[in-house]
Amino acid sequence: MEDKEKQPITVAQLKEAGIDKLVAGLAEAIDKEDDANVGKALQDLTEGLKKIDSPDDKEDDEEKPDPFADKVAKYVPQGK
């Protein structure tokens, strides 16, 4: 479970990630009935949206302790 509520995505974040251009590219491919480019445009849009959503996950991972730290610490020489 997440401790923090997920913050809503802002228009600025969408523009910064270029989502507006990706949506326009997808709309253009649909309007032109360009089957070859619709799939690629949709995939690009999906990847762009994932990038916006994933930075929060990366920050959470940094806060978690390393599960192997204790095991490695056994083999590190201790100073006297």
N, C-alpha and C. Protein backbone atom coordinates (compact mmCIF):
# COMPACT_ATOMS: atom_id res chain seq x y z
N MET A 1 0.83 -1.19 0.00
CA MET A 1 0.00 0.00 0.00
C MET A 1 0.87 1.25 0.00
N GLU A 2 0.36 2.28 -0.60
CA GLU A 2 1.11 3.53 -0.66
C GLU A 2 0.73 4.40 0.53
N ASP A 3 1.75 5.00 1.14
CA ASP A 3 1.51 5.89 2.26
C ASP A 3 1.01 7.24 1.78
N LYS A 4 1.54 7.66 0.64
CA LYS A 4 1.21 8.98 0.11
C LYS A 4 0.16 8.84 -0.98
N GLU A 5 -0.71 9.85 -1.06
CA GLU A 5 -1.65 9.88 -2.17
C GLU A 5 -0.92 10.34 -3.40
N LYS A 6 -1.29 9.77 -4.52
CA LYS A 6 -0.65 10.15 -5.78
C LYS A 6 -1.13 11.54 -6.18
N GLN A 7 -0.19 12.39 -6.53
CA GLN A 7 -0.52 13.75 -6.94
C GLN A 7 -1.04 13.74 -8.38
N PRO A 8 -2.02 14.57 -8.67
CA PRO A 8 -2.52 14.64 -10.05
C PRO A 8 -1.46 15.19 -10.99
N ILE A 9 -1.50 14.73 -12.22
CA ILE A 9 -0.56 15.18 -13.24
C ILE A 9 -1.02 16.55 -13.74
N THR A 10 -0.08 17.47 -13.87
CA THR A 10 -0.41 18.82 -14.30
C THR A 10 -0.19 18.98 -15.81
N VAL A 11 -0.79 20.02 -16.36
CA VAL A 11 -0.62 20.34 -17.77
C VAL A 11 0.85 20.62 -18.06
N ALA A 12 1.51 21.29 -17.13
CA ALA A 12 2.94 21.59 -17.32
C ALA A 12 3.76 20.32 -17.45
N GLN A 13 3.45 19.31 -16.64
CA GLN A 13 4.17 18.03 -16.74
C GLN A 13 3.92 17.37 -18.09
N LEU A 14 2.69 17.43 -18.56
CA LEU A 14 2.36 16.84 -19.86
C LEU A 14 3.11 17.52 -20.98
N LYS A 15 3.13 18.86 -20.94
CA LYS A 15 3.83 19.60 -21.99
C LYS A 15 5.33 19.37 -21.91
N GLU A 16 5.86 19.34 -20.70
CA GLU A 16 7.30 19.12 -20.52
C GLU A 16 7.72 17.76 -21.08
N ALA A 17 6.87 16.77 -20.95
CA ALA A 17 7.17 15.42 -21.45
C ALA A 17 6.85 15.28 -22.94
N GLY A 18 6.25 16.32 -23.53
CA GLY A 18 5.94 16.28 -24.96
C GLY A 18 4.69 15.48 -25.29
N ILE A 19 3.85 15.27 -24.29
CA ILE A 19 2.64 14.48 -24.50
C ILE A 19 1.71 15.16 -25.49
N ASP A 20 1.66 16.49 -25.47
CA ASP A 20 0.79 17.21 -26.40
C ASP A 20 1.16 16.90 -27.84
N LYS A 21 2.45 16.81 -28.12
CA LYS A 21 2.91 16.50 -29.48
C LYS A 21 2.63 15.04 -29.83
N LEU A 22 2.76 14.16 -28.84
CA LEU A 22 2.49 12.74 -29.09
C LEU A 22 1.00 12.51 -29.38
N VAL A 23 0.15 13.23 -28.64
CA VAL A 23 -1.30 13.13 -28.88
C VAL A 23 -1.63 13.67 -30.27
N ALA A 24 -1.01 14.79 -30.63
CA ALA A 24 -1.24 15.38 -31.96
C ALA A 24 -0.78 14.42 -33.05
N GLY A 25 0.35 13.75 -32.85
CA GLY A 25 0.84 12.78 -33.82
C GLY A 25 -0.10 11.60 -33.97
N LEU A 26 -0.64 11.13 -32.87
CA LEU A 26 -1.60 10.03 -32.91
C LEU A 26 -2.88 10.47 -33.62
N ALA A 27 -3.37 11.66 -33.30
CA ALA A 27 -4.59 12.18 -33.94
C ALA A 27 -4.38 12.33 -35.44
N GLU A 28 -3.21 12.81 -35.84
CA GLU A 28 -2.91 12.98 -37.26
C GLU A 28 -2.88 11.63 -37.98
N ALA A 29 -2.28 10.63 -37.35
CA ALA A 29 -2.23 9.30 -37.96
C ALA A 29 -3.63 8.71 -38.09
N ILE A 30 -4.48 8.95 -37.09
CA ILE A 30 -5.86 8.46 -37.16
C ILE A 30 -6.62 9.19 -38.26
N ASP A 31 -6.49 10.52 -38.31
CA ASP A 31 -7.18 11.32 -39.33
C ASP A 31 -6.80 10.88 -40.74
N LYS A 32 -5.53 10.58 -40.94
CA LYS A 32 -5.05 10.17 -42.26
C LYS A 32 -5.28 8.68 -42.52
N GLU A 33 -5.84 7.99 -41.51
CA GLU A 33 -6.05 6.54 -41.59
C GLU A 33 -4.76 5.83 -41.98
N ASP A 34 -3.68 6.26 -41.33
CA ASP A 34 -2.34 5.74 -41.59
C ASP A 34 -2.07 4.58 -40.63
N ASP A 35 -2.47 3.38 -41.06
CA ASP A 35 -2.34 2.20 -40.21
C ASP A 35 -0.90 1.93 -39.79
N ALA A 36 0.04 2.23 -40.66
CA ALA A 36 1.44 1.95 -40.36
C ALA A 36 1.95 2.79 -39.19
N ASN A 37 1.45 4.01 -39.05
CA ASN A 37 1.96 4.90 -38.01
C ASN A 37 1.08 4.99 -36.77
N VAL A 38 -0.15 4.51 -36.84
CA VAL A 38 -1.04 4.59 -35.68
C VAL A 38 -0.47 3.77 -34.52
N GLY A 39 -0.02 2.57 -34.80
CA GLY A 39 0.53 1.72 -33.75
C GLY A 39 1.75 2.34 -33.10
N LYS A 40 2.64 2.88 -33.92
CA LYS A 40 3.86 3.52 -33.40
C LYS A 40 3.51 4.75 -32.58
N ALA A 41 2.59 5.57 -33.07
CA ALA A 41 2.19 6.78 -32.35
C ALA A 41 1.55 6.42 -31.01
N LEU A 42 0.74 5.38 -30.99
CA LEU A 42 0.09 4.95 -29.75
C LEU A 42 1.13 4.41 -28.77
N GLN A 43 2.08 3.66 -29.28
CA GLN A 43 3.15 3.13 -28.42
C GLN A 43 3.98 4.27 -27.83
N ASP A 44 4.32 5.26 -28.65
CA ASP A 44 5.09 6.42 -28.17
C ASP A 44 4.33 7.16 -27.07
N LEU A 45 3.02 7.34 -27.28
CA LEU A 45 2.19 8.02 -26.29
C LEU A 45 2.16 7.23 -24.98
N THR A 46 1.99 5.93 -25.08
CA THR A 46 1.96 5.08 -23.89
C THR A 46 3.27 5.17 -23.12
N GLU A 47 4.39 5.10 -23.82
CA GLU A 47 5.70 5.19 -23.17
C GLU A 47 5.89 6.56 -22.52
N GLY A 48 5.44 7.61 -23.19
CA GLY A 48 5.54 8.95 -22.63
C GLY A 48 4.75 9.10 -21.34
N LEU A 49 3.55 8.52 -21.32
CA LEU A 49 2.73 8.59 -20.12
C LEU A 49 3.35 7.77 -18.98
N LYS A 50 3.96 6.66 -19.31
CA LYS A 50 4.62 5.85 -18.28
C LYS A 50 5.78 6.62 -17.65
N LYS A 51 6.49 7.39 -18.47
CA LYS A 51 7.62 8.16 -17.96
C LYS A 51 7.17 9.23 -16.97
N ILE A 52 6.00 9.80 -17.21
CA ILE A 52 5.47 10.82 -16.30
C ILE A 52 5.11 10.18 -14.97
N ASP A 53 4.52 9.01 -15.03
CA ASP A 53 4.02 8.34 -13.83
C ASP A 53 5.12 7.66 -13.03
N SER A 54 6.19 7.25 -13.66
CA SER A 54 7.20 6.44 -12.98
C SER A 54 8.21 7.19 -12.10
N PRO A 55 8.47 8.48 -12.26
CA PRO A 55 9.45 9.11 -11.37
C PRO A 55 9.12 8.96 -9.89
N ASP A 56 7.85 8.98 -9.52
CA ASP A 56 7.47 8.80 -8.12
C ASP A 56 7.89 7.42 -7.63
N ASP A 57 7.75 6.41 -8.48
CA ASP A 57 8.12 5.06 -8.10
C ASP A 57 9.62 4.96 -7.85
N LYS A 58 10.41 5.63 -8.66
CA LYS A 58 11.86 5.59 -8.50
C LYS A 58 12.27 6.25 -7.19
N GLU A 59 11.60 7.33 -6.82
CA GLU A 59 11.91 8.00 -5.56
C GLU A 59 11.59 7.08 -4.39
N ASP A 60 10.50 6.34 -4.47
CA ASP A 60 10.12 5.42 -3.40
C ASP A 60 11.16 4.31 -3.26
N ASP A 61 11.70 3.83 -4.37
CA ASP A 61 12.69 2.77 -4.33
C ASP A 61 13.95 3.22 -3.61
N GLU A 62 14.32 4.49 -3.76
CA GLU A 62 15.52 5.01 -3.12
C GLU A 62 15.38 5.03 -1.61
N GLU A 63 14.17 5.16 -1.10
CA GLU A 63 13.94 5.23 0.33
C GLU A 63 13.96 3.85 0.98
N LYS A 64 13.75 2.79 0.22
CA LYS A 64 13.71 1.45 0.77
C LYS A 64 15.13 0.99 1.07
N PRO A 65 15.32 0.30 2.19
CA PRO A 65 16.65 -0.20 2.51
C PRO A 65 17.06 -1.32 1.55
N ASP A 66 18.34 -1.43 1.32
CA ASP A 66 18.87 -2.47 0.45
C ASP A 66 18.73 -3.82 1.16
N PRO A 67 18.03 -4.78 0.56
CA PRO A 67 17.81 -6.06 1.24
C PRO A 67 19.10 -6.87 1.42
N PHE A 68 20.13 -6.55 0.66
CA PHE A 68 21.37 -7.30 0.75
C PHE A 68 22.42 -6.59 1.60
N ALA A 69 22.11 -5.43 2.12
CA ALA A 69 23.09 -4.65 2.87
C ALA A 69 23.60 -5.42 4.09
N ASP A 70 22.73 -6.09 4.82
CA ASP A 70 23.16 -6.83 6.01
C ASP A 70 24.06 -8.00 5.64
N LYS A 71 23.73 -8.67 4.55
CA LYS A 71 24.53 -9.82 4.12
C LYS A 71 25.92 -9.38 3.68
N VAL A 72 25.99 -8.26 2.96
CA VAL A 72 27.28 -7.75 2.50
C VAL A 72 28.09 -7.23 3.68
N ALA A 73 27.43 -6.62 4.65
CA ALA A 73 28.12 -6.04 5.80
C ALA A 73 28.90 -7.10 6.57
N LYS A 74 28.45 -8.35 6.56
CA LYS A 74 29.16 -9.41 7.27
C LYS A 74 30.57 -9.61 6.71
N TYR A 75 30.75 -9.33 5.42
CA TYR A 75 32.02 -9.60 4.77
C TYR A 75 32.93 -8.38 4.68
N VAL A 76 32.43 -7.24 5.09
CA VAL A 76 33.23 -6.02 5.05
C VAL A 76 34.05 -5.95 6.33
N PRO A 77 35.36 -5.76 6.23
CA PRO A 77 36.19 -5.69 7.44
C PRO A 77 35.78 -4.51 8.31
N GLN A 78 35.68 -4.75 9.59
CA GLN A 78 35.29 -3.71 10.53
C GLN A 78 36.54 -3.05 11.09
N GLY A 79 36.54 -1.72 11.18
CA GLY A 79 37.69 -0.98 11.73
C GLY A 79 37.78 -1.16 13.22
N LYS A 80 39.03 -1.17 13.74
CA LYS A 80 39.21 -1.33 15.19
C LYS A 80 39.58 -0.03 15.84
